[in-house]
N, C-alpha and C. Protein backbone atom coordinates (compact mmCIF):
# COMPACT_ATOMS: atom_id res chain seq x y z
N MET A 1 -14.71 -10.04 6.77
CA MET A 1 -15.29 -11.16 6.07
C MET A 1 -16.77 -11.20 6.43
N VAL A 2 -17.60 -11.41 5.41
CA VAL A 2 -19.05 -11.47 5.58
C VAL A 2 -19.57 -12.76 4.96
N VAL A 3 -20.38 -13.50 5.72
CA VAL A 3 -21.04 -14.69 5.18
C VAL A 3 -22.29 -14.19 4.46
N GLU A 4 -22.29 -14.36 3.13
CA GLU A 4 -23.42 -13.87 2.34
C GLU A 4 -24.58 -14.86 2.31
N SER A 5 -24.26 -16.15 2.26
CA SER A 5 -25.35 -17.14 2.24
C SER A 5 -24.81 -18.51 2.65
N ILE A 6 -25.71 -19.31 3.20
CA ILE A 6 -25.42 -20.71 3.52
C ILE A 6 -26.57 -21.54 2.94
N GLU A 7 -26.20 -22.59 2.22
CA GLU A 7 -27.20 -23.43 1.57
C GLU A 7 -26.99 -24.88 2.04
N TYR A 8 -28.06 -25.51 2.47
CA TYR A 8 -28.04 -26.90 2.93
C TYR A 8 -28.77 -27.76 1.91
N ILE A 9 -28.10 -28.80 1.39
CA ILE A 9 -28.66 -29.69 0.37
C ILE A 9 -28.53 -31.14 0.87
N CYS A 10 -29.56 -31.90 0.68
CA CYS A 10 -29.50 -33.32 1.01
C CYS A 10 -28.51 -33.98 0.05
N LYS A 11 -27.54 -34.70 0.62
CA LYS A 11 -26.52 -35.35 -0.20
C LYS A 11 -27.10 -36.53 -0.99
N ASN A 12 -28.18 -37.09 -0.54
CA ASN A 12 -28.79 -38.25 -1.17
C ASN A 12 -29.73 -37.86 -2.32
N CYS A 13 -30.67 -36.90 -2.07
CA CYS A 13 -31.68 -36.59 -3.09
C CYS A 13 -31.56 -35.17 -3.66
N ASN A 14 -30.61 -34.39 -3.20
CA ASN A 14 -30.35 -33.02 -3.67
C ASN A 14 -31.47 -32.04 -3.39
N LYS A 15 -32.31 -32.32 -2.42
CA LYS A 15 -33.38 -31.40 -2.03
C LYS A 15 -32.78 -30.32 -1.13
N GLU A 16 -33.19 -29.05 -1.37
CA GLU A 16 -32.74 -27.96 -0.50
C GLU A 16 -33.42 -28.11 0.86
N LEU A 17 -32.61 -27.97 1.92
CA LEU A 17 -33.10 -28.17 3.29
C LEU A 17 -32.95 -26.90 4.12
N LYS A 18 -33.70 -26.87 5.23
CA LYS A 18 -33.50 -25.82 6.23
C LYS A 18 -32.35 -26.26 7.11
N GLU A 19 -31.74 -25.29 7.84
CA GLU A 19 -30.57 -25.58 8.67
C GLU A 19 -30.84 -26.70 9.68
N ASP A 20 -32.00 -26.70 10.28
CA ASP A 20 -32.31 -27.68 11.31
C ASP A 20 -33.12 -28.87 10.81
N GLU A 21 -33.21 -29.04 9.51
CA GLU A 21 -34.02 -30.12 8.92
C GLU A 21 -33.18 -31.40 8.81
N ILE A 22 -33.15 -32.17 9.90
CA ILE A 22 -32.43 -33.44 9.95
C ILE A 22 -33.38 -34.48 10.53
N PRO A 23 -33.60 -35.57 9.92
CA PRO A 23 -33.16 -35.98 8.58
C PRO A 23 -33.98 -35.29 7.49
N CYS A 24 -33.60 -35.53 6.23
CA CYS A 24 -34.31 -34.99 5.07
C CYS A 24 -35.74 -35.54 5.09
N MET A 25 -36.70 -34.63 4.93
CA MET A 25 -38.11 -35.03 4.92
C MET A 25 -38.47 -35.82 3.66
N ASN A 26 -37.66 -35.68 2.62
CA ASN A 26 -37.93 -36.34 1.34
C ASN A 26 -37.45 -37.79 1.33
N CYS A 27 -36.19 -38.03 1.81
CA CYS A 27 -35.61 -39.38 1.70
C CYS A 27 -35.13 -39.96 3.02
N ASN A 28 -35.25 -39.18 4.11
CA ASN A 28 -34.86 -39.61 5.44
C ASN A 28 -33.34 -39.75 5.64
N SER A 29 -32.53 -39.14 4.74
CA SER A 29 -31.08 -39.19 4.86
C SER A 29 -30.60 -38.08 5.80
N SER A 30 -29.52 -38.36 6.53
CA SER A 30 -28.91 -37.34 7.41
C SER A 30 -27.67 -36.71 6.77
N SER A 31 -27.29 -37.17 5.61
CA SER A 31 -26.10 -36.63 4.92
C SER A 31 -26.45 -35.32 4.23
N ARG A 32 -25.54 -34.35 4.32
CA ARG A 32 -25.78 -33.04 3.72
C ARG A 32 -24.56 -32.53 2.96
N LYS A 33 -24.84 -31.66 2.00
CA LYS A 33 -23.81 -30.83 1.36
C LYS A 33 -24.11 -29.41 1.83
N ILE A 34 -23.10 -28.72 2.33
CA ILE A 34 -23.30 -27.35 2.80
C ILE A 34 -22.43 -26.43 1.94
N SER A 35 -23.07 -25.42 1.35
CA SER A 35 -22.36 -24.42 0.54
C SER A 35 -22.42 -23.08 1.27
N ILE A 36 -21.26 -22.47 1.46
CA ILE A 36 -21.18 -21.17 2.13
C ILE A 36 -20.55 -20.18 1.16
N VAL A 37 -21.19 -19.02 0.98
CA VAL A 37 -20.64 -17.95 0.15
C VAL A 37 -20.14 -16.87 1.10
N ILE A 38 -18.83 -16.57 1.00
CA ILE A 38 -18.19 -15.58 1.86
C ILE A 38 -17.68 -14.44 0.99
N LYS A 39 -17.90 -13.21 1.46
CA LYS A 39 -17.42 -12.03 0.74
C LYS A 39 -16.30 -11.41 1.57
N GLU A 40 -15.16 -11.17 0.92
CA GLU A 40 -14.00 -10.57 1.57
C GLU A 40 -13.51 -9.42 0.71
N THR A 41 -13.24 -8.29 1.34
CA THR A 41 -12.70 -7.13 0.62
C THR A 41 -11.22 -7.04 0.94
N LEU A 42 -10.41 -6.99 -0.10
CA LEU A 42 -8.97 -6.88 0.05
C LEU A 42 -8.55 -5.46 -0.32
N VAL A 43 -7.85 -4.80 0.60
CA VAL A 43 -7.37 -3.45 0.34
C VAL A 43 -5.85 -3.48 0.35
N ILE A 44 -5.27 -3.03 -0.75
CA ILE A 44 -3.82 -2.93 -0.83
C ILE A 44 -3.47 -1.47 -0.58
N SER A 45 -2.74 -1.22 0.51
CA SER A 45 -2.55 0.17 0.92
C SER A 45 -1.13 0.69 0.70
N ASP A 46 -0.18 -0.16 0.49
CA ASP A 46 1.19 0.32 0.30
C ASP A 46 1.46 0.56 -1.17
N PHE A 47 1.98 1.72 -1.48
CA PHE A 47 2.29 2.10 -2.85
C PHE A 47 3.54 2.97 -2.80
N ILE A 48 4.46 2.71 -3.69
CA ILE A 48 5.68 3.52 -3.74
C ILE A 48 5.92 3.95 -5.18
N SER A 49 6.22 5.23 -5.36
CA SER A 49 6.64 5.72 -6.67
C SER A 49 7.90 6.54 -6.48
N ARG A 50 8.75 6.52 -7.49
CA ARG A 50 10.01 7.26 -7.40
C ARG A 50 10.35 7.87 -8.76
N ALA A 51 10.77 9.11 -8.73
CA ALA A 51 11.23 9.78 -9.95
C ALA A 51 12.59 10.40 -9.66
N ARG A 52 13.48 10.30 -10.64
CA ARG A 52 14.84 10.84 -10.49
C ARG A 52 15.24 11.58 -11.75
N THR A 53 16.02 12.63 -11.56
CA THR A 53 16.59 13.33 -12.72
C THR A 53 18.10 13.32 -12.59
N LYS A 54 18.77 13.37 -13.74
CA LYS A 54 20.23 13.36 -13.75
C LYS A 54 20.74 14.50 -14.62
N ASN A 55 21.88 15.00 -14.23
CA ASN A 55 22.63 15.92 -15.06
C ASN A 55 23.69 15.07 -15.75
N PRO A 56 23.72 15.05 -17.09
CA PRO A 56 24.65 14.16 -17.78
C PRO A 56 26.11 14.47 -17.50
N ASN A 57 26.42 15.66 -16.99
CA ASN A 57 27.81 16.04 -16.74
C ASN A 57 28.27 15.73 -15.32
N ILE A 58 27.36 15.35 -14.44
CA ILE A 58 27.69 15.11 -13.03
C ILE A 58 27.21 13.72 -12.65
N SER A 59 28.03 13.01 -11.85
CA SER A 59 27.61 11.67 -11.42
C SER A 59 26.50 11.77 -10.38
N GLY A 60 25.68 10.76 -10.30
CA GLY A 60 24.60 10.71 -9.32
C GLY A 60 23.35 11.42 -9.79
N HIS A 61 22.30 11.31 -9.00
CA HIS A 61 21.02 11.94 -9.31
C HIS A 61 20.99 13.34 -8.72
N THR A 62 20.46 14.30 -9.47
CA THR A 62 20.41 15.67 -8.99
C THR A 62 19.11 15.98 -8.26
N TYR A 63 18.03 15.28 -8.59
CA TYR A 63 16.75 15.53 -7.95
C TYR A 63 16.02 14.20 -7.85
N GLU A 64 15.49 13.92 -6.68
CA GLU A 64 14.81 12.64 -6.47
C GLU A 64 13.58 12.86 -5.60
N ILE A 65 12.45 12.29 -6.00
CA ILE A 65 11.23 12.38 -5.21
C ILE A 65 10.65 10.98 -5.06
N THR A 66 10.30 10.61 -3.83
CA THR A 66 9.71 9.32 -3.53
C THR A 66 8.38 9.55 -2.81
N ASN A 67 7.33 8.89 -3.29
CA ASN A 67 6.01 8.97 -2.68
C ASN A 67 5.61 7.58 -2.19
N LYS A 68 5.08 7.51 -0.99
CA LYS A 68 4.61 6.24 -0.43
C LYS A 68 3.20 6.43 0.11
N MET A 69 2.35 5.46 -0.16
CA MET A 69 1.03 5.37 0.47
C MET A 69 1.11 4.17 1.41
N LYS A 70 0.77 4.38 2.66
CA LYS A 70 0.87 3.29 3.62
C LYS A 70 -0.12 3.53 4.75
N THR A 71 -0.08 2.68 5.76
CA THR A 71 -0.90 2.84 6.95
C THR A 71 0.01 3.26 8.09
N SER A 72 -0.40 4.29 8.80
CA SER A 72 0.39 4.79 9.92
C SER A 72 0.53 3.71 10.99
N GLY A 73 1.74 3.55 11.51
CA GLY A 73 1.96 2.57 12.57
C GLY A 73 1.30 2.97 13.88
N GLU A 74 1.21 4.28 14.15
CA GLU A 74 0.64 4.75 15.41
C GLU A 74 -0.88 4.82 15.37
N THR A 75 -1.43 5.46 14.35
CA THR A 75 -2.87 5.74 14.32
C THR A 75 -3.66 4.76 13.45
N GLN A 76 -2.97 3.96 12.63
CA GLN A 76 -3.60 3.02 11.69
C GLN A 76 -4.43 3.74 10.62
N LEU A 77 -4.15 5.04 10.39
CA LEU A 77 -4.84 5.81 9.35
C LEU A 77 -4.05 5.75 8.05
N PRO A 78 -4.73 5.92 6.90
CA PRO A 78 -4.01 6.01 5.63
C PRO A 78 -3.03 7.19 5.68
N THR A 79 -1.83 6.97 5.16
CA THR A 79 -0.76 7.97 5.25
C THR A 79 -0.07 8.14 3.91
N LYS A 80 0.24 9.40 3.56
CA LYS A 80 1.05 9.73 2.38
C LYS A 80 2.38 10.25 2.90
N GLU A 81 3.47 9.70 2.38
CA GLU A 81 4.80 10.17 2.77
C GLU A 81 5.54 10.57 1.50
N THR A 82 6.10 11.76 1.52
CA THR A 82 6.88 12.26 0.38
C THR A 82 8.28 12.64 0.87
N MET A 83 9.30 12.18 0.14
CA MET A 83 10.68 12.54 0.44
C MET A 83 11.29 13.13 -0.83
N ILE A 84 11.79 14.35 -0.73
CA ILE A 84 12.42 15.02 -1.87
C ILE A 84 13.88 15.28 -1.50
N ILE A 85 14.77 14.84 -2.36
CA ILE A 85 16.20 15.11 -2.21
C ILE A 85 16.62 15.99 -3.39
N ASP A 86 17.08 17.19 -3.10
CA ASP A 86 17.45 18.16 -4.13
C ASP A 86 18.95 18.40 -4.07
N ARG A 87 19.65 17.93 -5.10
CA ARG A 87 21.10 18.10 -5.21
C ARG A 87 21.46 19.02 -6.38
N THR A 88 20.54 19.91 -6.75
CA THR A 88 20.79 20.77 -7.91
C THR A 88 21.83 21.84 -7.61
N SER A 89 22.05 22.16 -6.35
CA SER A 89 23.08 23.14 -5.97
C SER A 89 24.41 22.41 -5.77
N ASN A 90 25.49 23.08 -6.10
CA ASN A 90 26.82 22.50 -5.86
C ASN A 90 27.23 22.62 -4.40
N ASP A 91 26.55 23.50 -3.64
CA ASP A 91 26.96 23.78 -2.27
C ASP A 91 26.14 23.03 -1.21
N ILE A 92 24.84 22.83 -1.46
CA ILE A 92 23.99 22.20 -0.45
C ILE A 92 23.12 21.11 -1.06
N THR A 93 22.75 20.16 -0.21
CA THR A 93 21.74 19.15 -0.55
C THR A 93 20.55 19.43 0.37
N ILE A 94 19.37 19.48 -0.21
CA ILE A 94 18.16 19.77 0.58
C ILE A 94 17.30 18.51 0.64
N LYS A 95 16.93 18.14 1.87
CA LYS A 95 16.01 17.02 2.08
C LYS A 95 14.69 17.60 2.59
N HIS A 96 13.58 17.29 1.90
CA HIS A 96 12.26 17.75 2.31
C HIS A 96 11.40 16.51 2.57
N HIS A 97 10.95 16.36 3.81
CA HIS A 97 10.19 15.18 4.23
C HIS A 97 8.81 15.63 4.68
N ILE A 98 7.75 15.08 4.06
CA ILE A 98 6.37 15.45 4.37
C ILE A 98 5.58 14.18 4.67
N VAL A 99 4.81 14.19 5.77
CA VAL A 99 3.93 13.08 6.12
C VAL A 99 2.54 13.65 6.35
N MET A 100 1.55 13.07 5.64
CA MET A 100 0.15 13.49 5.79
C MET A 100 -0.71 12.27 6.11
N GLU A 101 -1.69 12.47 7.00
CA GLU A 101 -2.62 11.40 7.35
C GLU A 101 -4.03 11.79 6.95
N LYS A 102 -4.81 10.79 6.54
CA LYS A 102 -6.20 11.03 6.14
C LYS A 102 -7.08 10.95 7.38
N GLU A 103 -7.73 12.07 7.66
CA GLU A 103 -8.68 12.13 8.77
C GLU A 103 -10.03 12.52 8.18
N GLY A 104 -10.94 11.55 8.10
CA GLY A 104 -12.22 11.80 7.43
C GLY A 104 -11.97 11.97 5.94
N ASP A 105 -12.42 13.10 5.38
CA ASP A 105 -12.22 13.39 3.96
C ASP A 105 -10.98 14.23 3.70
N ASP A 106 -10.28 14.67 4.76
CA ASP A 106 -9.16 15.61 4.62
C ASP A 106 -7.82 14.93 4.87
N TRP A 107 -6.78 15.44 4.18
CA TRP A 107 -5.40 15.03 4.42
C TRP A 107 -4.77 16.09 5.32
N ILE A 108 -4.30 15.70 6.50
CA ILE A 108 -3.74 16.61 7.49
C ILE A 108 -2.22 16.40 7.54
N THR A 109 -1.45 17.50 7.41
CA THR A 109 0.01 17.42 7.49
C THR A 109 0.42 17.16 8.93
N LYS A 110 1.14 16.06 9.15
CA LYS A 110 1.61 15.68 10.48
C LYS A 110 3.10 15.98 10.67
N HIS A 111 3.82 16.06 9.54
CA HIS A 111 5.27 16.31 9.61
C HIS A 111 5.68 17.00 8.32
N ASP A 112 6.41 18.10 8.45
CA ASP A 112 6.92 18.82 7.27
C ASP A 112 8.27 19.40 7.66
N GLU A 113 9.33 18.78 7.19
CA GLU A 113 10.68 19.15 7.61
C GLU A 113 11.57 19.36 6.39
N ILE A 114 12.30 20.46 6.42
CA ILE A 114 13.30 20.74 5.39
C ILE A 114 14.65 20.85 6.09
N VAL A 115 15.61 20.04 5.63
CA VAL A 115 16.95 20.03 6.22
C VAL A 115 17.96 20.25 5.10
N GLU A 116 18.93 21.14 5.36
CA GLU A 116 20.00 21.39 4.39
C GLU A 116 21.29 20.78 4.91
N PHE A 117 22.02 20.15 4.00
CA PHE A 117 23.32 19.54 4.30
C PHE A 117 24.36 20.14 3.38
N ASN A 118 25.62 20.12 3.82
CA ASN A 118 26.69 20.49 2.89
C ASN A 118 26.72 19.44 1.78
N ALA A 119 26.81 19.91 0.58
CA ALA A 119 26.79 19.00 -0.57
C ALA A 119 28.11 18.23 -0.65
N LYS A 120 27.99 16.98 -1.00
CA LYS A 120 29.20 16.21 -1.33
C LYS A 120 29.70 16.75 -2.65
N ILE A 121 30.98 16.86 -2.78
CA ILE A 121 31.53 17.36 -4.04
C ILE A 121 31.52 16.22 -5.04
N ARG A 122 30.72 16.41 -6.08
CA ARG A 122 30.61 15.40 -7.12
C ARG A 122 31.42 15.84 -8.32
N GLN A 123 32.26 14.96 -8.76
CA GLN A 123 33.09 15.28 -9.92
C GLN A 123 32.29 15.17 -11.19
N LYS A 124 32.70 15.91 -12.17
CA LYS A 124 32.13 15.75 -13.50
C LYS A 124 32.53 14.38 -14.01
N LYS A 125 31.75 13.80 -14.89
CA LYS A 125 32.01 12.45 -15.37
C LYS A 125 33.38 12.30 -16.03
N ASN A 126 33.78 13.26 -16.81
CA ASN A 126 35.08 13.13 -17.48
C ASN A 126 36.24 13.19 -16.47
N GLN A 127 36.08 13.89 -15.33
CA GLN A 127 37.11 13.92 -14.31
C GLN A 127 37.19 12.59 -13.57
N GLN A 128 36.04 11.91 -13.38
CA GLN A 128 36.04 10.60 -12.72
C GLN A 128 36.80 9.58 -13.56
N ASN A 129 36.63 9.61 -14.87
CA ASN A 129 37.26 8.64 -15.74
C ASN A 129 38.77 8.83 -15.79
N GLU A 130 39.23 10.08 -15.57
CA GLU A 130 40.68 10.37 -15.62
C GLU A 130 41.36 9.90 -14.34
N GLY A 131 40.66 9.96 -13.17
CA GLY A 131 41.32 9.70 -11.89
C GLY A 131 41.16 8.37 -11.40
């Protein structure tokens, strides 16, 4: 927050006064109106986007990507986090997690992990409706 200006006005005669000008030299009043202009910059740093794809023949999402812009809890630096869940294979599910922090003008990768899991067996939609 920055104080851009302070204005002192005599409440009686509306003459502009100096900060220490008490009483008013014009009307001898001690009453004042004080106007302060403050400048504040608001930064919104959290942002989330998500995209998903589906196979019409299989229940659930086959591919999902989530992006987040936030502030790192440890370093207080701007951070990009990406999570990708890939279920396009019938045998495995792949989770890819990436975290990057902004250091100066550059984005530095702080975490990049790919983990494979055994895929849950997802039934085709017509098989779900039968059972």
